[in-house]
């Protein structure tokens, strides 16, 4: 019987997350990038960036749980199966709370406990592992900006001026990647103003 429960859990979890492959990253579509990456493609990209950051942090002598980072990266947008991808500029505080509740409800009702725990940990954002995933999320997005501008001639100017898009979460290696992205794009890296949050 345990084998059947395990097999069913694999099928149910995979089917529950499958819609992420067809849900577009809305921020790209709003800026005329069609077709654009899906939420699942984004999560894969975040996992790749996170993996590379983990390797670099280990090379620098940091102790970090790489398996947990990859679990978090793969699941960080799992709740968007329920809500879709709603960009930050469109989120009022009330809407943000409702979206967080809807996403948490989906995760709790759908994912097995170890995956729920990984998702919650990245949402809290306190651990080094969670900060690496949060930084990787922004790094992947800015690499995608670079790719869409180069490959498709997209005009994504607003991304380059928002310091929040370059939030390294205290992970110096991520900051180095942001600097390299800006150097390749021939743009200055925006910095948060003193007193800004």
N, C-alpha and C. Protein backbone atom coordinates (compact mmCIF):
# COMPACT_ATOMS: atom_id res chain seq x y z
N UNK A 1 0.80 -1.22 0.00
CA UNK A 1 0.00 0.00 0.00
C UNK A 1 0.84 1.28 0.00
N UNK A 2 1.93 1.38 0.80
CA UNK A 2 2.73 2.61 0.76
C UNK A 2 3.23 2.94 -0.65
N UNK A 3 3.56 1.91 -1.45
CA UNK A 3 4.04 2.15 -2.80
C UNK A 3 2.97 2.84 -3.64
N UNK A 4 1.72 2.42 -3.48
CA UNK A 4 0.62 3.04 -4.23
C UNK A 4 0.45 4.50 -3.79
N UNK A 5 0.52 4.75 -2.48
CA UNK A 5 0.38 6.14 -2.00
C UNK A 5 1.50 7.01 -2.57
N UNK A 6 2.72 6.48 -2.57
CA UNK A 6 3.83 7.23 -3.11
C UNK A 6 3.61 7.51 -4.60
N UNK A 7 3.27 6.48 -5.36
CA UNK A 7 3.07 6.64 -6.80
C UNK A 7 1.95 7.64 -7.08
N UNK A 8 0.86 7.56 -6.35
CA UNK A 8 -0.24 8.50 -6.54
C UNK A 8 0.18 9.92 -6.19
N UNK A 9 1.00 10.08 -5.15
CA UNK A 9 1.47 11.41 -4.75
C UNK A 9 2.33 12.02 -5.86
N UNK A 10 3.17 11.20 -6.49
CA UNK A 10 4.00 11.70 -7.59
C UNK A 10 3.12 12.19 -8.74
N UNK A 11 2.13 11.39 -9.09
CA UNK A 11 1.23 11.76 -10.18
C UNK A 11 0.44 13.01 -9.83
N UNK A 12 -0.16 13.03 -8.65
CA UNK A 12 -0.99 14.17 -8.24
C UNK A 12 -0.20 15.46 -8.16
N UNK A 13 0.99 15.39 -7.57
CA UNK A 13 1.81 16.60 -7.43
C UNK A 13 2.25 17.12 -8.80
N UNK A 14 2.68 16.22 -9.66
CA UNK A 14 3.13 16.63 -10.99
C UNK A 14 1.98 17.22 -11.80
N UNK A 15 0.81 16.58 -11.74
CA UNK A 15 -0.35 17.12 -12.45
C UNK A 15 -0.78 18.47 -11.87
N UNK A 16 -0.70 18.63 -10.56
CA UNK A 16 -1.10 19.88 -9.93
C UNK A 16 -0.21 21.04 -10.37
N UNK A 17 1.09 20.77 -10.56
CA UNK A 17 2.02 21.82 -10.95
C UNK A 17 2.14 21.99 -12.46
N UNK A 18 1.59 21.07 -13.22
CA UNK A 18 1.71 21.09 -14.68
C UNK A 18 1.20 22.39 -15.31
N UNK A 19 0.14 23.03 -14.80
CA UNK A 19 -0.31 24.27 -15.44
C UNK A 19 0.75 25.38 -15.49
N UNK A 20 1.76 25.31 -14.63
CA UNK A 20 2.81 26.33 -14.65
C UNK A 20 3.52 26.38 -16.01
N UNK A 21 3.51 25.26 -16.74
CA UNK A 21 4.15 25.22 -18.05
C UNK A 21 3.39 26.04 -19.08
N UNK A 22 2.12 26.32 -18.83
CA UNK A 22 1.30 27.06 -19.80
C UNK A 22 0.93 28.47 -19.32
N UNK A 23 1.32 28.81 -18.11
CA UNK A 23 1.01 30.15 -17.59
C UNK A 23 2.17 31.09 -17.90
N UNK A 24 1.93 32.13 -18.69
CA UNK A 24 3.03 33.04 -19.05
C UNK A 24 3.42 33.95 -17.90
N UNK A 25 4.64 34.43 -17.96
CA UNK A 25 5.10 35.46 -17.04
C UNK A 25 4.48 36.77 -17.55
N UNK A 26 3.54 37.26 -16.80
CA UNK A 26 2.71 38.38 -17.23
C UNK A 26 3.49 39.65 -17.51
N UNK A 27 4.54 39.91 -16.73
CA UNK A 27 5.32 41.13 -16.94
C UNK A 27 5.86 41.25 -18.35
N UNK A 28 6.24 40.12 -18.94
CA UNK A 28 6.74 40.15 -20.31
C UNK A 28 5.61 40.47 -21.28
N UNK A 29 4.47 39.81 -21.08
CA UNK A 29 3.34 40.03 -22.00
C UNK A 29 2.86 41.47 -21.96
N UNK A 30 2.85 42.06 -20.77
CA UNK A 30 2.41 43.46 -20.63
C UNK A 30 3.33 44.41 -21.39
N UNK A 31 4.55 43.96 -21.64
CA UNK A 31 5.52 44.78 -22.36
C UNK A 31 5.68 44.35 -23.82
N UNK A 32 4.75 43.53 -24.29
CA UNK A 32 4.72 43.15 -25.70
C UNK A 32 5.63 42.01 -26.09
N UNK A 33 6.20 41.30 -25.13
CA UNK A 33 7.05 40.15 -25.45
C UNK A 33 6.15 38.92 -25.54
N UNK A 34 5.80 38.56 -26.78
CA UNK A 34 4.92 37.42 -27.02
C UNK A 34 5.48 36.62 -28.19
N UNK A 35 5.65 35.32 -28.07
CA UNK A 35 5.46 34.54 -26.86
C UNK A 35 6.57 34.84 -25.85
N UNK A 36 6.30 34.47 -24.61
CA UNK A 36 7.28 34.71 -23.55
C UNK A 36 7.39 33.46 -22.69
N UNK A 37 8.36 33.50 -21.81
CA UNK A 37 8.59 32.33 -20.95
C UNK A 37 7.39 32.07 -20.05
N UNK A 38 7.20 30.81 -19.73
CA UNK A 38 6.15 30.42 -18.78
C UNK A 38 6.71 30.48 -17.37
N UNK A 39 5.82 30.35 -16.40
CA UNK A 39 6.26 30.31 -15.00
C UNK A 39 7.18 29.11 -14.78
N UNK A 40 6.87 27.98 -15.39
CA UNK A 40 7.73 26.79 -15.25
C UNK A 40 9.11 27.03 -15.85
N UNK A 41 9.17 27.67 -17.00
CA UNK A 41 10.46 27.97 -17.61
C UNK A 41 11.26 28.91 -16.71
N UNK A 42 10.58 29.88 -16.14
CA UNK A 42 11.24 30.80 -15.20
C UNK A 42 11.79 30.03 -14.00
N UNK A 43 10.99 29.14 -13.43
CA UNK A 43 11.43 28.38 -12.26
C UNK A 43 12.66 27.53 -12.59
N UNK A 44 12.68 26.96 -13.78
CA UNK A 44 13.86 26.20 -14.21
C UNK A 44 15.08 27.13 -14.28
N UNK A 45 14.90 28.30 -14.87
CA UNK A 45 16.00 29.26 -14.95
C UNK A 45 16.50 29.69 -13.59
N UNK A 46 15.56 29.90 -12.65
CA UNK A 46 15.94 30.26 -11.28
C UNK A 46 16.74 29.13 -10.65
N UNK A 47 16.32 27.88 -10.89
CA UNK A 47 17.05 26.72 -10.34
C UNK A 47 18.47 26.67 -10.90
N UNK A 48 18.64 26.95 -12.19
CA UNK A 48 19.98 26.94 -12.78
C UNK A 48 20.85 28.03 -12.14
N UNK A 49 20.32 29.25 -12.04
CA UNK A 49 21.09 30.34 -11.42
C UNK A 49 21.40 30.00 -9.97
N UNK A 50 20.42 29.49 -9.24
CA UNK A 50 20.63 29.13 -7.83
C UNK A 50 21.71 28.07 -7.69
N UNK A 51 21.70 27.07 -8.57
CA UNK A 51 22.72 26.02 -8.54
C UNK A 51 24.11 26.62 -8.71
N UNK A 52 24.25 27.54 -9.66
CA UNK A 52 25.54 28.16 -9.91
C UNK A 52 25.97 29.03 -8.73
N UNK A 53 25.02 29.73 -8.11
CA UNK A 53 25.33 30.52 -6.92
C UNK A 53 25.77 29.63 -5.77
N UNK A 54 25.09 28.50 -5.58
CA UNK A 54 25.48 27.56 -4.52
C UNK A 54 26.91 27.09 -4.75
N UNK A 55 27.24 26.71 -5.97
CA UNK A 55 28.60 26.26 -6.26
C UNK A 55 29.63 27.34 -5.93
N UNK A 56 29.31 28.58 -6.29
CA UNK A 56 30.24 29.68 -6.02
C UNK A 56 30.36 29.95 -4.52
N UNK A 57 29.25 29.93 -3.82
CA UNK A 57 29.30 30.15 -2.38
C UNK A 57 30.11 29.07 -1.68
N UNK A 58 29.95 27.83 -2.10
CA UNK A 58 30.75 26.74 -1.53
C UNK A 58 32.24 26.95 -1.83
N UNK A 59 32.55 27.38 -3.05
CA UNK A 59 33.95 27.64 -3.41
C UNK A 59 34.54 28.75 -2.55
N UNK A 60 33.70 29.65 -2.07
CA UNK A 60 34.14 30.75 -1.21
C UNK A 60 34.12 30.37 0.27
N UNK A 61 33.80 29.10 0.56
CA UNK A 61 33.84 28.62 1.93
C UNK A 61 32.54 28.71 2.71
N UNK A 62 31.43 29.06 2.04
CA UNK A 62 30.13 29.14 2.71
C UNK A 62 29.53 27.75 2.86
N UNK A 63 28.91 27.48 3.99
CA UNK A 63 28.15 26.24 4.18
C UNK A 63 26.71 26.52 3.75
N UNK A 64 26.23 25.76 2.80
CA UNK A 64 24.87 25.98 2.28
C UNK A 64 24.28 24.65 1.85
N UNK A 65 22.99 24.49 2.08
CA UNK A 65 22.27 23.26 1.71
C UNK A 65 21.79 23.39 0.27
N UNK A 66 22.57 22.84 -0.65
CA UNK A 66 22.26 22.96 -2.07
C UNK A 66 20.99 22.25 -2.47
N UNK A 67 20.70 21.11 -1.86
CA UNK A 67 19.45 20.41 -2.20
C UNK A 67 18.26 21.27 -1.81
N UNK A 68 18.31 21.87 -0.64
CA UNK A 68 17.20 22.73 -0.21
C UNK A 68 17.04 23.92 -1.15
N UNK A 69 18.16 24.51 -1.57
CA UNK A 69 18.09 25.64 -2.51
C UNK A 69 17.38 25.23 -3.79
N UNK A 70 17.74 24.07 -4.33
CA UNK A 70 17.10 23.63 -5.58
C UNK A 70 15.63 23.32 -5.38
N UNK A 71 15.28 22.71 -4.26
CA UNK A 71 13.86 22.47 -3.96
C UNK A 71 13.09 23.80 -3.91
N UNK A 72 13.67 24.76 -3.21
CA UNK A 72 13.02 26.07 -3.09
C UNK A 72 12.88 26.74 -4.46
N UNK A 73 13.95 26.68 -5.24
CA UNK A 73 13.92 27.32 -6.56
C UNK A 73 12.85 26.72 -7.45
N UNK A 74 12.76 25.40 -7.45
CA UNK A 74 11.76 24.73 -8.30
C UNK A 74 10.34 25.03 -7.85
N UNK A 75 10.15 25.27 -6.56
CA UNK A 75 8.80 25.44 -6.01
C UNK A 75 8.44 26.89 -5.69
N UNK A 76 9.35 27.83 -5.86
CA UNK A 76 9.11 29.18 -5.34
C UNK A 76 7.86 29.85 -5.91
N UNK A 77 7.45 29.50 -7.11
CA UNK A 77 6.23 30.08 -7.70
C UNK A 77 5.10 29.06 -7.82
N UNK A 78 5.17 27.97 -7.06
CA UNK A 78 4.15 26.91 -7.16
C UNK A 78 2.74 27.45 -6.92
N UNK A 79 2.59 28.37 -5.99
CA UNK A 79 1.26 28.91 -5.69
C UNK A 79 0.64 29.67 -6.84
N UNK A 80 1.44 30.05 -7.82
CA UNK A 80 0.91 30.79 -8.97
C UNK A 80 0.05 29.92 -9.88
N UNK A 81 0.02 28.61 -9.62
CA UNK A 81 -0.96 27.76 -10.31
C UNK A 81 -2.36 28.31 -10.03
N UNK A 82 -2.58 28.75 -8.80
CA UNK A 82 -3.88 29.25 -8.38
C UNK A 82 -4.12 30.69 -8.81
N UNK A 83 -3.06 31.53 -8.78
CA UNK A 83 -3.25 32.97 -8.98
C UNK A 83 -2.77 33.49 -10.31
N UNK A 84 -1.92 32.73 -10.99
CA UNK A 84 -1.24 33.27 -12.16
C UNK A 84 -0.11 34.18 -11.71
N UNK A 85 0.56 34.77 -12.66
CA UNK A 85 1.69 35.65 -12.38
C UNK A 85 1.20 37.09 -12.44
N UNK A 86 1.17 37.73 -11.29
CA UNK A 86 0.73 39.13 -11.22
C UNK A 86 1.92 39.98 -10.84
N UNK A 87 2.38 40.86 -11.75
CA UNK A 87 3.56 41.66 -11.47
C UNK A 87 3.37 42.59 -10.28
N UNK A 88 4.46 42.89 -9.60
CA UNK A 88 4.43 43.74 -8.41
C UNK A 88 3.73 45.08 -8.60
N UNK A 89 3.97 45.80 -9.69
CA UNK A 89 3.32 47.11 -9.80
C UNK A 89 1.79 47.05 -9.70
N UNK A 90 1.19 45.91 -10.03
CA UNK A 90 -0.26 45.79 -9.99
C UNK A 90 -0.80 45.32 -8.66
N UNK A 91 0.06 45.14 -7.66
CA UNK A 91 -0.37 44.58 -6.38
C UNK A 91 -0.51 45.65 -5.32
N UNK A 92 -1.75 45.90 -4.91
CA UNK A 92 -1.98 46.74 -3.74
C UNK A 92 -1.68 45.89 -2.51
N UNK A 93 -1.51 46.51 -1.34
CA UNK A 93 -1.29 45.70 -0.13
C UNK A 93 -2.42 44.70 0.12
N UNK A 94 -3.66 45.10 -0.11
CA UNK A 94 -4.79 44.18 0.10
C UNK A 94 -4.76 43.03 -0.90
N UNK A 95 -4.50 43.34 -2.17
CA UNK A 95 -4.42 42.29 -3.18
C UNK A 95 -3.25 41.36 -2.88
N UNK A 96 -2.13 41.92 -2.45
CA UNK A 96 -0.96 41.09 -2.12
C UNK A 96 -1.30 40.10 -1.02
N UNK A 97 -2.00 40.54 0.02
CA UNK A 97 -2.41 39.63 1.10
C UNK A 97 -3.33 38.53 0.58
N UNK A 98 -4.30 38.89 -0.27
CA UNK A 98 -5.22 37.89 -0.83
C UNK A 98 -4.49 36.88 -1.70
N UNK A 99 -3.55 37.35 -2.50
CA UNK A 99 -2.77 36.45 -3.35
C UNK A 99 -1.92 35.51 -2.50
N UNK A 100 -1.28 36.05 -1.47
CA UNK A 100 -0.48 35.21 -0.57
C UNK A 100 -1.34 34.13 0.07
N UNK A 101 -2.56 34.50 0.48
CA UNK A 101 -3.47 33.53 1.10
C UNK A 101 -3.87 32.45 0.08
N UNK A 102 -4.21 32.87 -1.13
CA UNK A 102 -4.63 31.91 -2.16
C UNK A 102 -3.48 30.96 -2.52
N UNK A 103 -2.28 31.51 -2.65
CA UNK A 103 -1.13 30.68 -2.99
C UNK A 103 -0.80 29.70 -1.86
N UNK A 104 -0.84 30.17 -0.62
CA UNK A 104 -0.57 29.29 0.53
C UNK A 104 -1.63 28.20 0.62
N UNK A 105 -2.88 28.53 0.36
CA UNK A 105 -3.95 27.53 0.39
C UNK A 105 -3.71 26.45 -0.65
N UNK A 106 -3.30 26.85 -1.85
CA UNK A 106 -3.01 25.87 -2.91
C UNK A 106 -1.87 24.96 -2.49
N UNK A 107 -0.78 25.56 -2.01
CA UNK A 107 0.40 24.78 -1.62
C UNK A 107 0.04 23.79 -0.51
N UNK A 108 -0.68 24.25 0.50
CA UNK A 108 -1.03 23.38 1.62
C UNK A 108 -1.99 22.27 1.20
N UNK A 109 -2.85 22.54 0.24
CA UNK A 109 -3.81 21.52 -0.19
C UNK A 109 -3.23 20.55 -1.21
N UNK A 110 -2.13 20.92 -1.85
CA UNK A 110 -1.65 20.17 -2.99
C UNK A 110 -0.29 19.49 -2.80
N UNK A 111 0.65 20.20 -2.23
CA UNK A 111 2.01 19.66 -2.16
C UNK A 111 2.20 18.78 -0.94
N UNK A 112 3.04 17.76 -1.05
CA UNK A 112 3.39 16.94 0.10
C UNK A 112 4.14 17.80 1.15
N UNK A 113 4.11 17.40 2.41
CA UNK A 113 4.72 18.21 3.48
C UNK A 113 6.15 18.68 3.24
N UNK A 114 7.08 17.84 2.74
CA UNK A 114 8.45 18.37 2.53
C UNK A 114 8.49 19.51 1.52
N UNK A 115 7.65 19.44 0.49
CA UNK A 115 7.62 20.50 -0.51
C UNK A 115 6.92 21.75 0.04
N UNK A 116 5.89 21.55 0.86
CA UNK A 116 5.26 22.69 1.52
C UNK A 116 6.28 23.44 2.37
N UNK A 117 7.09 22.69 3.11
CA UNK A 117 8.09 23.29 3.98
C UNK A 117 9.10 24.10 3.18
N UNK A 118 9.55 23.57 2.06
CA UNK A 118 10.51 24.29 1.21
C UNK A 118 9.87 25.57 0.67
N UNK A 119 8.62 25.49 0.23
CA UNK A 119 7.93 26.67 -0.29
C UNK A 119 7.78 27.73 0.80
N UNK A 120 7.37 27.31 2.00
CA UNK A 120 7.21 28.27 3.11
C UNK A 120 8.55 28.92 3.46
N UNK A 121 9.61 28.14 3.46
CA UNK A 121 10.93 28.67 3.81
C UNK A 121 11.37 29.77 2.84
N UNK A 122 11.14 29.56 1.56
CA UNK A 122 11.53 30.60 0.61
C UNK A 122 10.62 31.81 0.74
N UNK A 123 9.35 31.61 1.06
CA UNK A 123 8.44 32.74 1.28
C UNK A 123 8.90 33.59 2.47
N UNK A 124 9.36 32.93 3.52
CA UNK A 124 9.84 33.66 4.70
C UNK A 124 11.12 34.41 4.38
N UNK A 125 11.99 33.81 3.58
CA UNK A 125 13.18 34.50 3.09
C UNK A 125 14.28 34.75 4.09
N UNK A 126 14.28 34.08 5.23
CA UNK A 126 15.24 34.38 6.29
C UNK A 126 16.58 33.67 6.13
N UNK A 127 16.57 32.43 5.72
CA UNK A 127 17.79 31.62 5.68
C UNK A 127 18.67 32.01 4.50
N UNK A 128 19.94 31.63 4.56
CA UNK A 128 20.83 31.86 3.43
C UNK A 128 20.28 31.20 2.19
N UNK A 129 19.75 29.98 2.34
CA UNK A 129 19.20 29.25 1.19
C UNK A 129 18.06 30.03 0.54
N UNK A 130 17.16 30.57 1.35
CA UNK A 130 16.04 31.35 0.82
C UNK A 130 16.53 32.64 0.17
N UNK A 131 17.52 33.28 0.77
CA UNK A 131 18.05 34.52 0.19
C UNK A 131 18.72 34.24 -1.16
N UNK A 132 19.38 33.10 -1.28
CA UNK A 132 19.98 32.72 -2.57
C UNK A 132 18.89 32.56 -3.62
N UNK A 133 17.78 31.91 -3.26
CA UNK A 133 16.69 31.72 -4.22
C UNK A 133 16.06 33.07 -4.59
N UNK A 134 15.84 33.93 -3.61
CA UNK A 134 15.26 35.25 -3.90
C UNK A 134 16.18 36.04 -4.83
N UNK A 135 17.49 35.99 -4.56
CA UNK A 135 18.44 36.68 -5.43
C UNK A 135 18.46 36.04 -6.82
N UNK A 136 18.45 34.71 -6.87
CA UNK A 136 18.45 34.00 -8.16
C UNK A 136 17.21 34.35 -8.98
N UNK A 137 16.08 34.57 -8.32
CA UNK A 137 14.84 34.96 -8.98
C UNK A 137 15.05 36.26 -9.75
N UNK A 138 15.69 37.23 -9.11
CA UNK A 138 15.95 38.52 -9.77
C UNK A 138 17.04 38.41 -10.83
N UNK A 139 18.09 37.63 -10.53
CA UNK A 139 19.17 37.45 -11.51
C UNK A 139 18.60 36.84 -12.79
N UNK A 140 17.80 35.78 -12.65
CA UNK A 140 17.23 35.13 -13.83
C UNK A 140 16.38 36.12 -14.62
N UNK A 141 15.60 36.92 -13.91
CA UNK A 141 14.74 37.90 -14.59
C UNK A 141 15.58 38.89 -15.39
N UNK A 142 16.66 39.39 -14.80
CA UNK A 142 17.46 40.38 -15.51
C UNK A 142 18.26 39.76 -16.66
N UNK A 143 18.65 38.50 -16.52
CA UNK A 143 19.28 37.81 -17.65
C UNK A 143 18.26 37.66 -18.78
N UNK A 144 17.00 37.39 -18.42
CA UNK A 144 15.95 37.27 -19.42
C UNK A 144 15.70 38.63 -20.10
N UNK A 145 15.77 39.72 -19.34
CA UNK A 145 15.65 41.05 -19.94
C UNK A 145 16.74 41.22 -20.99
N UNK A 146 17.97 40.89 -20.61
CA UNK A 146 19.09 40.98 -21.54
C UNK A 146 18.83 40.14 -22.79
N UNK A 147 18.34 38.91 -22.59
CA UNK A 147 18.08 38.01 -23.73
C UNK A 147 16.97 38.56 -24.61
N UNK A 148 15.86 39.01 -24.02
CA UNK A 148 14.75 39.51 -24.84
C UNK A 148 15.14 40.77 -25.61
N UNK A 149 15.95 41.61 -25.01
CA UNK A 149 16.38 42.80 -25.74
C UNK A 149 17.31 42.43 -26.89
N UNK A 150 18.20 41.50 -26.65
CA UNK A 150 19.16 41.10 -27.70
C UNK A 150 18.50 40.28 -28.80
N UNK A 151 17.69 39.30 -28.41
CA UNK A 151 17.14 38.36 -29.37
C UNK A 151 15.94 38.91 -30.11
N UNK A 152 15.15 39.73 -29.45
CA UNK A 152 13.88 40.15 -30.04
C UNK A 152 13.75 41.65 -30.21
N UNK A 153 14.75 42.38 -29.76
CA UNK A 153 14.67 43.83 -29.86
C UNK A 153 13.62 44.43 -28.94
N UNK A 154 13.27 43.69 -27.88
CA UNK A 154 12.27 44.19 -26.93
C UNK A 154 12.80 45.45 -26.25
N UNK A 155 11.91 46.35 -25.92
CA UNK A 155 12.26 47.57 -25.21
C UNK A 155 11.80 47.41 -23.76
N UNK A 156 12.74 47.08 -22.91
CA UNK A 156 12.41 46.79 -21.51
C UNK A 156 13.13 47.76 -20.58
N UNK A 157 13.12 49.00 -20.98
CA UNK A 157 13.86 50.07 -20.30
C UNK A 157 13.56 50.17 -18.81
N UNK A 158 12.30 50.02 -18.44
CA UNK A 158 11.92 50.21 -17.03
C UNK A 158 12.61 49.22 -16.11
N UNK A 159 12.94 48.02 -16.59
CA UNK A 159 13.62 47.03 -15.75
C UNK A 159 14.99 47.53 -15.30
N UNK A 160 15.66 48.27 -16.16
CA UNK A 160 17.03 48.71 -15.88
C UNK A 160 17.09 49.84 -14.86
N UNK A 161 15.98 50.49 -14.59
CA UNK A 161 15.98 51.65 -13.70
C UNK A 161 15.46 51.34 -12.30
N UNK A 162 14.95 50.14 -12.09
CA UNK A 162 14.35 49.77 -10.80
C UNK A 162 15.36 49.03 -9.93
N UNK A 163 15.84 49.66 -8.85
CA UNK A 163 16.82 48.99 -7.98
C UNK A 163 16.31 47.68 -7.39
N UNK A 164 15.00 47.52 -7.24
CA UNK A 164 14.46 46.27 -6.69
C UNK A 164 14.72 45.08 -7.60
N UNK A 165 14.94 45.33 -8.89
CA UNK A 165 15.24 44.25 -9.82
C UNK A 165 16.67 43.74 -9.66
N UNK A 166 17.45 44.41 -8.83
CA UNK A 166 18.85 44.05 -8.61
C UNK A 166 19.11 43.73 -7.14
N UNK A 167 18.10 43.22 -6.46
CA UNK A 167 18.20 42.92 -5.03
C UNK A 167 18.99 41.64 -4.82
N UNK A 168 20.20 41.78 -4.34
CA UNK A 168 21.09 40.62 -4.16
C UNK A 168 20.86 39.91 -2.84
N UNK A 169 20.00 40.43 -1.97
CA UNK A 169 19.64 39.78 -0.70
C UNK A 169 20.86 39.46 0.16
N UNK A 170 21.86 40.29 0.11
CA UNK A 170 23.06 40.06 0.92
C UNK A 170 23.95 38.96 0.40
N UNK A 171 23.72 38.50 -0.83
CA UNK A 171 24.54 37.45 -1.44
C UNK A 171 25.48 38.14 -2.41
N UNK A 172 26.74 38.34 -1.98
CA UNK A 172 27.70 39.10 -2.78
C UNK A 172 27.89 38.52 -4.18
N UNK A 173 27.88 37.20 -4.29
CA UNK A 173 28.05 36.57 -5.61
C UNK A 173 26.93 36.99 -6.57
N UNK A 174 25.71 37.12 -6.05
CA UNK A 174 24.59 37.59 -6.89
C UNK A 174 24.83 39.02 -7.33
N UNK A 175 25.37 39.84 -6.43
CA UNK A 175 25.69 41.22 -6.79
C UNK A 175 26.70 41.29 -7.92
N UNK A 176 27.66 40.39 -7.91
CA UNK A 176 28.65 40.34 -8.98
C UNK A 176 28.00 39.98 -10.31
N UNK A 177 27.01 39.10 -10.27
CA UNK A 177 26.31 38.73 -11.50
C UNK A 177 25.50 39.93 -12.00
N UNK A 178 24.83 40.65 -11.10
CA UNK A 178 24.09 41.85 -11.51
C UNK A 178 25.03 42.85 -12.18
N UNK A 179 26.21 43.05 -11.58
CA UNK A 179 27.18 43.99 -12.17
C UNK A 179 27.57 43.54 -13.57
N UNK A 180 27.78 42.23 -13.75
CA UNK A 180 28.17 41.70 -15.06
C UNK A 180 27.04 41.85 -16.08
N UNK A 181 25.80 41.64 -15.64
CA UNK A 181 24.63 41.82 -16.53
C UNK A 181 24.60 43.27 -17.03
N UNK A 182 24.74 44.20 -16.10
CA UNK A 182 24.70 45.62 -16.47
C UNK A 182 25.86 45.98 -17.38
N UNK A 183 27.02 45.42 -17.11
CA UNK A 183 28.18 45.68 -17.96
C UNK A 183 27.92 45.17 -19.38
N UNK A 184 27.38 43.97 -19.50
CA UNK A 184 27.08 43.43 -20.84
C UNK A 184 26.04 44.28 -21.55
N UNK A 185 25.10 44.83 -20.80
CA UNK A 185 24.04 45.65 -21.41
C UNK A 185 24.50 47.09 -21.65
N UNK A 186 25.68 47.45 -21.12
CA UNK A 186 26.16 48.83 -21.26
C UNK A 186 25.33 49.81 -20.47
N UNK A 187 24.87 49.37 -19.29
CA UNK A 187 24.00 50.21 -18.47
C UNK A 187 24.55 50.28 -17.05
N UNK A 188 24.30 51.39 -16.38
CA UNK A 188 24.70 51.46 -14.97
C UNK A 188 23.73 50.64 -14.11
N UNK A 189 24.23 50.08 -13.06
CA UNK A 189 23.36 49.35 -12.13
C UNK A 189 22.68 50.35 -11.21
N UNK A 190 21.35 50.35 -11.17
CA UNK A 190 20.66 51.29 -10.29
C UNK A 190 20.88 50.91 -8.83
N UNK A 191 20.98 51.89 -7.99
CA UNK A 191 21.17 51.68 -6.55
C UNK A 191 19.99 52.28 -5.82
N UNK A 192 19.59 51.61 -4.75
CA UNK A 192 18.51 52.14 -3.91
C UNK A 192 19.01 53.42 -3.26
N UNK A 193 18.13 54.40 -3.13
CA UNK A 193 18.49 55.66 -2.47
C UNK A 193 18.54 55.44 -0.98
N UNK A 194 19.33 56.21 -0.29
CA UNK A 194 19.42 56.12 1.17
C UNK A 194 18.03 56.33 1.76
N UNK A 195 17.65 55.47 2.67
CA UNK A 195 16.35 55.57 3.31
C UNK A 195 15.26 54.83 2.57
N UNK A 196 15.56 54.36 1.34
CA UNK A 196 14.55 53.60 0.58
C UNK A 196 14.47 52.19 1.11
N UNK A 197 13.32 51.57 0.94
CA UNK A 197 13.17 50.20 1.42
C UNK A 197 13.28 49.23 0.30
